[in-house]
N, C-alpha and C. Protein backbone atom coordinates (compact mmCIF):
# COMPACT_ATOMS: atom_id res chain seq x y z
N UNK A 1 0.84 -1.18 0.00
CA UNK A 1 0.00 0.00 0.00
C UNK A 1 0.88 1.24 0.00
N UNK A 2 0.48 2.21 -0.77
CA UNK A 2 1.20 3.48 -0.88
C UNK A 2 0.70 4.45 0.19
N UNK A 3 1.61 5.16 0.82
CA UNK A 3 1.24 6.11 1.86
C UNK A 3 1.26 7.53 1.29
N UNK A 4 0.10 7.99 0.87
CA UNK A 4 -0.02 9.29 0.22
C UNK A 4 0.38 10.42 1.15
N UNK A 5 0.14 10.29 2.46
CA UNK A 5 0.49 11.36 3.39
C UNK A 5 2.00 11.58 3.45
N UNK A 6 2.80 10.55 3.29
CA UNK A 6 4.25 10.72 3.25
C UNK A 6 4.68 11.48 2.00
N UNK A 7 4.06 11.17 0.88
CA UNK A 7 4.36 11.89 -0.35
C UNK A 7 3.99 13.36 -0.20
N UNK A 8 2.81 13.64 0.31
CA UNK A 8 2.37 15.03 0.49
C UNK A 8 3.31 15.79 1.41
N UNK A 9 3.72 15.19 2.50
CA UNK A 9 4.58 15.86 3.47
C UNK A 9 5.95 16.18 2.90
N UNK A 10 6.40 15.40 1.93
CA UNK A 10 7.75 15.58 1.40
C UNK A 10 7.80 16.29 0.05
N UNK A 11 6.68 16.74 -0.46
CA UNK A 11 6.68 17.40 -1.78
C UNK A 11 6.04 18.77 -1.77
N UNK A 12 5.79 19.34 -0.63
CA UNK A 12 5.19 20.67 -0.58
C UNK A 12 6.26 21.74 -0.81
N UNK A 13 6.25 22.31 -1.99
CA UNK A 13 7.14 23.42 -2.30
C UNK A 13 6.33 24.49 -3.02
N UNK A 14 6.91 25.65 -3.13
CA UNK A 14 6.22 26.76 -3.79
C UNK A 14 6.02 26.47 -5.28
N UNK A 15 6.97 25.81 -5.92
CA UNK A 15 6.91 25.59 -7.36
C UNK A 15 6.07 24.39 -7.77
N UNK A 16 5.93 23.41 -6.91
CA UNK A 16 5.18 22.21 -7.24
C UNK A 16 4.11 21.98 -6.19
N UNK A 17 3.03 22.68 -6.32
CA UNK A 17 1.93 22.54 -5.38
C UNK A 17 0.80 21.79 -6.08
N UNK A 18 0.61 20.55 -5.69
CA UNK A 18 -0.40 19.70 -6.32
C UNK A 18 -1.47 19.33 -5.31
N UNK A 19 -2.63 19.01 -5.82
CA UNK A 19 -3.62 18.33 -5.02
C UNK A 19 -3.44 16.84 -5.32
N UNK A 20 -3.11 16.07 -4.30
CA UNK A 20 -2.84 14.65 -4.48
C UNK A 20 -4.13 13.85 -4.43
N UNK A 21 -4.26 12.92 -5.36
CA UNK A 21 -5.42 12.03 -5.42
C UNK A 21 -4.87 10.61 -5.54
N UNK A 22 -5.29 9.75 -4.64
CA UNK A 22 -4.82 8.36 -4.62
C UNK A 22 -6.00 7.42 -4.87
N UNK A 23 -5.80 6.50 -5.80
CA UNK A 23 -6.76 5.43 -6.05
C UNK A 23 -6.01 4.10 -5.88
N UNK A 24 -6.51 3.19 -5.05
CA UNK A 24 -5.85 1.88 -4.94
C UNK A 24 -5.79 1.18 -6.31
N UNK A 25 -6.88 1.32 -7.09
CA UNK A 25 -6.95 0.76 -8.44
C UNK A 25 -7.68 1.75 -9.34
N UNK A 26 -7.20 1.89 -10.56
CA UNK A 26 -7.87 2.74 -11.53
C UNK A 26 -7.58 2.22 -12.93
N UNK A 27 -8.41 2.59 -13.84
CA UNK A 27 -8.21 2.21 -15.24
C UNK A 27 -6.99 2.94 -15.80
N UNK A 28 -6.96 4.26 -15.65
CA UNK A 28 -5.87 5.06 -16.22
C UNK A 28 -5.69 6.35 -15.42
N UNK A 29 -4.50 6.56 -14.89
CA UNK A 29 -4.24 7.81 -14.16
C UNK A 29 -4.31 9.00 -15.12
N UNK A 30 -3.97 8.78 -16.38
CA UNK A 30 -4.03 9.86 -17.37
C UNK A 30 -5.48 10.29 -17.59
N UNK A 31 -6.37 9.35 -17.75
CA UNK A 31 -7.79 9.70 -17.91
C UNK A 31 -8.33 10.35 -16.65
N UNK A 32 -7.93 9.84 -15.48
CA UNK A 32 -8.38 10.41 -14.21
C UNK A 32 -7.96 11.87 -14.08
N UNK A 33 -6.70 12.14 -14.40
CA UNK A 33 -6.20 13.50 -14.18
C UNK A 33 -6.89 14.51 -15.09
N UNK A 34 -7.16 14.12 -16.32
CA UNK A 34 -7.85 15.05 -17.22
C UNK A 34 -9.28 15.28 -16.80
N UNK A 35 -9.94 14.25 -16.30
CA UNK A 35 -11.30 14.42 -15.80
C UNK A 35 -11.31 15.37 -14.60
N UNK A 36 -10.38 15.18 -13.67
CA UNK A 36 -10.28 16.07 -12.50
C UNK A 36 -9.97 17.50 -12.93
N UNK A 37 -9.01 17.65 -13.82
CA UNK A 37 -8.61 18.98 -14.28
C UNK A 37 -9.75 19.69 -14.99
N UNK A 38 -10.45 19.00 -15.85
CA UNK A 38 -11.56 19.61 -16.59
C UNK A 38 -12.69 20.07 -15.66
N UNK A 39 -12.81 19.43 -14.50
CA UNK A 39 -13.84 19.83 -13.53
C UNK A 39 -13.39 20.98 -12.63
N UNK A 40 -12.10 21.01 -12.25
CA UNK A 40 -11.66 21.95 -11.23
C UNK A 40 -10.56 22.93 -11.66
N UNK A 41 -9.90 22.68 -12.77
CA UNK A 41 -8.82 23.55 -13.26
C UNK A 41 -7.70 23.74 -12.22
N UNK A 42 -7.41 22.70 -11.46
CA UNK A 42 -6.31 22.73 -10.49
C UNK A 42 -5.19 21.82 -10.98
N UNK A 43 -4.04 21.95 -10.34
CA UNK A 43 -2.93 21.03 -10.61
C UNK A 43 -3.14 19.78 -9.75
N UNK A 44 -3.13 18.65 -10.38
CA UNK A 44 -3.34 17.39 -9.67
C UNK A 44 -2.15 16.46 -9.86
N UNK A 45 -2.00 15.56 -8.92
CA UNK A 45 -1.04 14.47 -8.97
C UNK A 45 -1.85 13.23 -8.64
N UNK A 46 -2.09 12.38 -9.63
CA UNK A 46 -2.90 11.16 -9.44
C UNK A 46 -1.96 9.97 -9.37
N UNK A 47 -2.14 9.17 -8.34
CA UNK A 47 -1.25 8.03 -8.12
C UNK A 47 -2.08 6.79 -7.79
N UNK A 48 -1.57 5.64 -8.21
CA UNK A 48 -2.28 4.38 -7.96
C UNK A 48 -1.29 3.24 -7.76
N UNK A 49 -1.74 2.21 -7.07
CA UNK A 49 -0.96 0.98 -6.92
C UNK A 49 -1.25 0.01 -8.07
N UNK A 50 -2.38 0.20 -8.74
CA UNK A 50 -2.79 -0.75 -9.77
C UNK A 50 -3.54 -0.03 -10.88
N UNK A 51 -2.91 0.08 -12.03
CA UNK A 51 -3.53 0.69 -13.21
C UNK A 51 -3.85 -0.42 -14.20
N UNK A 52 -5.11 -0.52 -14.60
CA UNK A 52 -5.54 -1.67 -15.40
C UNK A 52 -5.54 -1.44 -16.90
N UNK A 53 -5.56 -0.18 -17.34
CA UNK A 53 -5.62 0.10 -18.77
C UNK A 53 -4.85 1.39 -19.08
N UNK A 54 -3.58 1.41 -18.67
CA UNK A 54 -2.77 2.62 -18.84
C UNK A 54 -2.39 2.87 -20.28
N UNK A 55 -2.16 4.15 -20.56
CA UNK A 55 -1.75 4.55 -21.91
C UNK A 55 -0.54 5.47 -21.79
N UNK A 56 0.45 5.23 -22.64
CA UNK A 56 1.63 6.08 -22.69
C UNK A 56 1.53 7.06 -23.85
N UNK A 57 2.65 7.67 -24.16
CA UNK A 57 2.67 8.60 -25.29
C UNK A 57 2.36 7.87 -26.59
N UNK A 58 1.75 8.59 -27.49
CA UNK A 58 1.39 8.05 -28.82
C UNK A 58 0.50 6.83 -28.72
N UNK A 59 -0.36 6.78 -27.67
CA UNK A 59 -1.30 5.68 -27.44
C UNK A 59 -0.65 4.33 -27.21
N UNK A 60 0.61 4.32 -26.77
CA UNK A 60 1.26 3.07 -26.39
C UNK A 60 0.64 2.54 -25.10
N UNK A 61 0.62 1.23 -24.94
CA UNK A 61 0.11 0.63 -23.71
C UNK A 61 1.12 0.82 -22.60
N UNK A 62 0.63 1.18 -21.42
CA UNK A 62 1.48 1.36 -20.24
C UNK A 62 1.15 0.24 -19.28
N UNK A 63 2.12 -0.58 -18.97
CA UNK A 63 1.89 -1.76 -18.12
C UNK A 63 2.42 -1.50 -16.72
N UNK A 64 1.61 -1.82 -15.73
CA UNK A 64 2.07 -1.77 -14.34
C UNK A 64 1.69 -3.09 -13.67
N UNK A 65 2.48 -3.47 -12.69
CA UNK A 65 2.25 -4.72 -11.98
C UNK A 65 1.50 -4.40 -10.69
N UNK A 66 0.30 -4.96 -10.50
CA UNK A 66 -0.49 -4.65 -9.31
C UNK A 66 0.30 -4.84 -8.02
N UNK A 67 0.25 -3.82 -7.15
CA UNK A 67 0.90 -3.83 -5.84
C UNK A 67 2.42 -3.94 -5.90
N UNK A 68 3.01 -3.78 -7.08
CA UNK A 68 4.47 -3.77 -7.21
C UNK A 68 4.94 -2.54 -7.95
N UNK A 69 4.03 -1.83 -8.58
CA UNK A 69 4.36 -0.62 -9.33
C UNK A 69 3.63 0.56 -8.71
N UNK A 70 4.26 1.71 -8.81
CA UNK A 70 3.56 2.94 -8.47
C UNK A 70 3.42 3.70 -9.77
N UNK A 71 2.21 3.95 -10.17
CA UNK A 71 1.93 4.62 -11.43
C UNK A 71 1.28 5.95 -11.13
N UNK A 72 1.72 6.98 -11.86
CA UNK A 72 1.16 8.30 -11.58
C UNK A 72 1.10 9.15 -12.83
N UNK A 73 0.30 10.19 -12.75
CA UNK A 73 0.20 11.23 -13.77
C UNK A 73 0.11 12.55 -13.05
N UNK A 74 0.69 13.59 -13.63
CA UNK A 74 0.57 14.91 -13.04
C UNK A 74 0.60 15.96 -14.12
N UNK A 75 0.01 17.10 -13.81
CA UNK A 75 -0.03 18.23 -14.72
C UNK A 75 0.79 19.36 -14.13
N UNK A 76 1.57 20.01 -14.97
CA UNK A 76 2.32 21.18 -14.54
C UNK A 76 2.12 22.28 -15.56
N UNK A 77 2.38 23.51 -15.17
CA UNK A 77 2.26 24.63 -16.09
C UNK A 77 3.38 24.56 -17.12
N UNK A 78 3.06 24.85 -18.35
CA UNK A 78 4.06 24.88 -19.41
C UNK A 78 4.84 26.18 -19.30
N UNK A 79 6.16 26.07 -19.15
CA UNK A 79 6.98 27.28 -19.01
C UNK A 79 7.87 27.51 -20.22
N UNK A 80 7.98 26.53 -21.11
CA UNK A 80 8.77 26.66 -22.31
C UNK A 80 7.87 26.54 -23.53
N UNK A 81 8.24 27.18 -24.59
CA UNK A 81 7.52 27.09 -25.85
C UNK A 81 7.78 25.70 -26.44
N UNK A 82 6.73 24.97 -26.79
CA UNK A 82 6.88 23.61 -27.33
C UNK A 82 7.70 23.59 -28.61
N UNK A 83 7.75 24.71 -29.34
CA UNK A 83 8.54 24.76 -30.58
C UNK A 83 10.04 24.67 -30.33
N UNK A 84 10.47 24.87 -29.08
CA UNK A 84 11.89 24.79 -28.74
C UNK A 84 12.38 23.35 -28.66
N UNK A 85 11.48 22.40 -28.66
CA UNK A 85 11.83 21.01 -28.44
C UNK A 85 11.32 20.14 -29.59
N UNK A 86 11.88 18.96 -29.70
CA UNK A 86 11.38 17.97 -30.64
C UNK A 86 10.16 17.32 -30.00
N UNK A 87 9.07 18.03 -30.02
CA UNK A 87 7.86 17.65 -29.30
C UNK A 87 6.76 17.32 -30.27
N UNK A 88 6.11 16.21 -30.06
CA UNK A 88 4.97 15.80 -30.87
C UNK A 88 3.78 15.66 -29.94
N UNK A 89 2.69 16.31 -30.25
CA UNK A 89 1.52 16.19 -29.39
C UNK A 89 0.94 14.79 -29.52
N UNK A 90 0.28 14.37 -28.47
CA UNK A 90 -0.27 13.03 -28.41
C UNK A 90 -1.55 12.95 -29.20
């Protein structure tokens, strides 16, 4: 089991202030974070012990092992222009 309170206590800084959301099991942390963001427009950090249908960049499958992997998604403010990087949108 993941202890979300330990993560929260050790990651509170001025630059990375997230609202932490923990699910023991979820289909996709990426889908969860966008749903939360679209409802509240806050910065979230979604974490789970078991992701059942994860997706990586370019719709690749993201595999995690139940109770052996920690899988997460988070949103941060964009501070650099995407044109500065070899960046392809998903």
